[in-house]
Each structure stands twice: as structure tokens, then as C-alpha cells.
């Protein structure tokens, strides 16, 4: 954590279902957030036809409830006031 950012590392080990999680940032006030994640079917292989299949994706989050796709590893960056 920094003075105005919190970093949370999360994993969804379920290979079939998304998981909705609620983040707890204590007495801080959520300003905005972004999730950086890798999510792909666990049976996928890296080949010459799809070398970037496990590239990091990102999306904005609009609150402290986050939906993690199946088989996802992520870092959530939250800016606080």
C-alpha cells in the first residue's frame, strides 16, 4: 500500500465458475480501481498460433464488489481518498 493506493492480490481457483468478492479497505474511501488479471481456460496451451493467450488483461472496477472470472489470478489496484 502507498498513501493513496491499495494493492490486493486474489486468485479464483474454481475452473468453472466466476466468484464475486467484496473487498475490505478499512476506513479508507474508494475513489477508483482497476483489475489486472490473467484468465483463460486451464486446458489452454501456449502455441505458435496463440503466443499471447495468457497476456495480462485489465478492466476498471466501479466499487468494492469484484467479479473474478473462472481460473483467474489478479492484482486489484484501488485508489483511495
C-alpha atoms as a PDB file:
ATOM      1  CA  UNK A   1       0.000   0.000   0.000  1.00  0.00           C
ATOM      2  CA  UNK A   2       1.005   3.581  -0.571  1.00  0.00           C
ATOM      3  CA  UNK A   3      -0.602   6.701   0.882  1.00  0.00           C
ATOM      4  CA  UNK A   4      -3.383   6.714  -1.700  1.00  0.00           C
ATOM      5  CA  UNK A   5      -3.276   3.240  -3.304  1.00  0.00           C
ATOM      6  CA  UNK A   6      -4.009  -0.257  -2.059  1.00  0.00           C
ATOM      7  CA  UNK A   7      -2.921  -3.373  -3.967  1.00  0.00           C
ATOM      8  CA  UNK A   8      -4.787  -6.641  -3.404  1.00  0.00           C
ATOM      9  CA  UNK A   9      -3.726  -9.983  -4.920  1.00  0.00           C
ATOM     10  CA  UNK A  10      -6.522 -12.507  -5.493  1.00  0.00           C
ATOM     11  CA  UNK A  11      -7.000 -15.913  -7.124  1.00  0.00           C
ATOM     12  CA  UNK A  12     -10.112 -17.760  -8.233  1.00  0.00           C
ATOM     13  CA  UNK A  13      -9.116 -21.429  -8.176  1.00  0.00           C
ATOM     14  CA  UNK A  14     -12.509 -22.545  -9.438  1.00  0.00           C
ATOM     15  CA  UNK A  15     -12.063 -23.575 -13.072  1.00  0.00           C
ATOM     16  CA  UNK A  16     -15.775 -23.405 -13.946  1.00  0.00           C
ATOM     17  CA  UNK A  17     -17.424 -20.533 -12.102  1.00  0.00           C
ATOM     18  CA  UNK A  18     -16.814 -16.854 -11.521  1.00  0.00           C
ATOM     19  CA  UNK A  19     -16.550 -15.697  -7.923  1.00  0.00           C
ATOM     20  CA  UNK A  20     -17.925 -12.413  -6.638  1.00  0.00           C
ATOM     21  CA  UNK A  21     -15.738 -10.983  -3.887  1.00  0.00           C
ATOM     22  CA  UNK A  22     -16.199  -7.995  -1.596  1.00  0.00           C
ATOM     23  CA  UNK A  23     -13.056  -6.049  -0.815  1.00  0.00           C
ATOM     24  CA  UNK A  24     -12.412  -4.535   2.609  1.00  0.00           C
ATOM     25  CA  UNK A  25     -10.290  -1.384   2.631  1.00  0.00           C
ATOM     26  CA  UNK A  26     -10.913  -0.442   6.246  1.00  0.00           C
ATOM     27  CA  UNK A  27     -11.791   3.178   6.911  1.00  0.00           C
ATOM     28  CA  UNK A  28     -10.483   4.381   3.533  1.00  0.00           C
ATOM     29  CA  UNK A  29     -12.889   5.776   0.924  1.00  0.00           C
ATOM     30  CA  UNK A  30     -12.900   4.145  -2.544  1.00  0.00           C
ATOM     31  CA  UNK A  31     -12.069   6.617  -5.314  1.00  0.00           C
ATOM     32  CA  UNK A  32     -11.478   4.315  -8.321  1.00  0.00           C
ATOM     33  CA  UNK A  33      -9.929   0.994  -9.163  1.00  0.00           C
ATOM     34  CA  UNK A  34      -8.522  -1.257 -11.828  1.00  0.00           C
ATOM     35  CA  UNK A  35      -8.050  -5.002 -12.005  1.00  0.00           C
ATOM     36  CA  UNK A  36      -5.093  -6.510 -13.881  1.00  0.00           C
ATOM     37  CA  UNK A  37      -5.664 -10.205 -14.474  1.00  0.00           C
ATOM     38  CA  UNK A  38      -4.819 -13.376 -16.357  1.00  0.00           C
ATOM     39  CA  UNK A  39      -7.796 -15.562 -17.125  1.00  0.00           C
ATOM     40  CA  UNK A  40      -8.022 -18.391 -19.606  1.00  0.00           C
ATOM     41  CA  UNK A  41      -9.404 -21.884 -19.859  1.00  0.00           C
ATOM     42  CA  UNK A  42      -6.992 -24.011 -17.777  1.00  0.00           C
ATOM     43  CA  UNK A  43      -6.655 -26.545 -20.600  1.00  0.00           C
ATOM     44  CA  UNK A  44      -5.322 -23.886 -22.992  1.00  0.00           C
ATOM     45  CA  UNK A  45      -1.733 -24.241 -24.143  1.00  0.00           C
ATOM     46  CA  UNK A  46       0.629 -21.598 -25.414  1.00  0.00           C
ATOM     47  CA  UNK A  47       1.483 -22.363 -29.032  1.00  0.00           C
ATOM     48  CA  UNK A  48       2.822 -20.540 -32.056  1.00  0.00           C
ATOM     49  CA  UNK A  49      -0.808 -19.914 -33.052  1.00  0.00           C
ATOM     50  CA  UNK A  50      -1.696 -18.157 -29.780  1.00  0.00           C
ATOM     51  CA  UNK A  51       1.523 -16.940 -28.120  1.00  0.00           C
ATOM     52  CA  UNK A  52      -0.236 -14.159 -26.176  1.00  0.00           C
ATOM     53  CA  UNK A  53      -3.119 -16.222 -24.821  1.00  0.00           C
ATOM     54  CA  UNK A  54      -2.010 -15.532 -21.231  1.00  0.00           C
ATOM     55  CA  UNK A  55      -1.367 -11.817 -21.731  1.00  0.00           C
ATOM     56  CA  UNK A  56      -2.454  -9.572 -18.872  1.00  0.00           C
ATOM     57  CA  UNK A  57      -5.885  -8.010 -19.332  1.00  0.00           C
ATOM     58  CA  UNK A  58      -7.251  -5.040 -17.423  1.00  0.00           C
ATOM     59  CA  UNK A  59     -10.602  -3.526 -16.573  1.00  0.00           C
ATOM     60  CA  UNK A  60     -11.905  -0.707 -14.445  1.00  0.00           C
ATOM     61  CA  UNK A  61     -13.806  -1.611 -11.304  1.00  0.00           C
ATOM     62  CA  UNK A  62     -16.548   0.632 -10.024  1.00  0.00           C
ATOM     63  CA  UNK A  63     -16.662  -0.339  -6.379  1.00  0.00           C
ATOM     64  CA  UNK A  64     -15.571  -2.857  -3.807  1.00  0.00           C
ATOM     65  CA  UNK A  65     -17.535  -5.780  -5.268  1.00  0.00           C
ATOM     66  CA  UNK A  66     -15.467  -7.507  -7.935  1.00  0.00           C
ATOM     67  CA  UNK A  67     -16.359 -10.417 -10.197  1.00  0.00           C
ATOM     68  CA  UNK A  68     -13.428 -12.776 -10.781  1.00  0.00           C
ATOM     69  CA  UNK A  69     -13.742 -14.955 -13.887  1.00  0.00           C
ATOM     70  CA  UNK A  70     -13.015 -18.685 -13.533  1.00  0.00           C
ATOM     71  CA  UNK A  71      -9.342 -19.681 -13.197  1.00  0.00           C
ATOM     72  CA  UNK A  72      -8.119 -16.132 -12.654  1.00  0.00           C
ATOM     73  CA  UNK A  73      -5.117 -14.612 -10.953  1.00  0.00           C
ATOM     74  CA  UNK A  74      -5.376 -10.858 -10.422  1.00  0.00           C
ATOM     75  CA  UNK A  75      -3.999  -7.739  -8.838  1.00  0.00           C
ATOM     76  CA  UNK A  76      -6.553  -5.116  -7.891  1.00  0.00           C
ATOM     77  CA  UNK A  77      -5.297  -1.564  -7.585  1.00  0.00           C
ATOM     78  CA  UNK A  78      -7.558   0.727  -5.586  1.00  0.00           C
ATOM     79  CA  UNK A  79      -7.085   4.464  -5.314  1.00  0.00           C
ATOM     80  CA  UNK A  80      -8.459   5.848  -2.058  1.00  0.00           C
ATOM     81  CA  UNK A  81      -9.187   9.290  -0.671  1.00  0.00           C
END
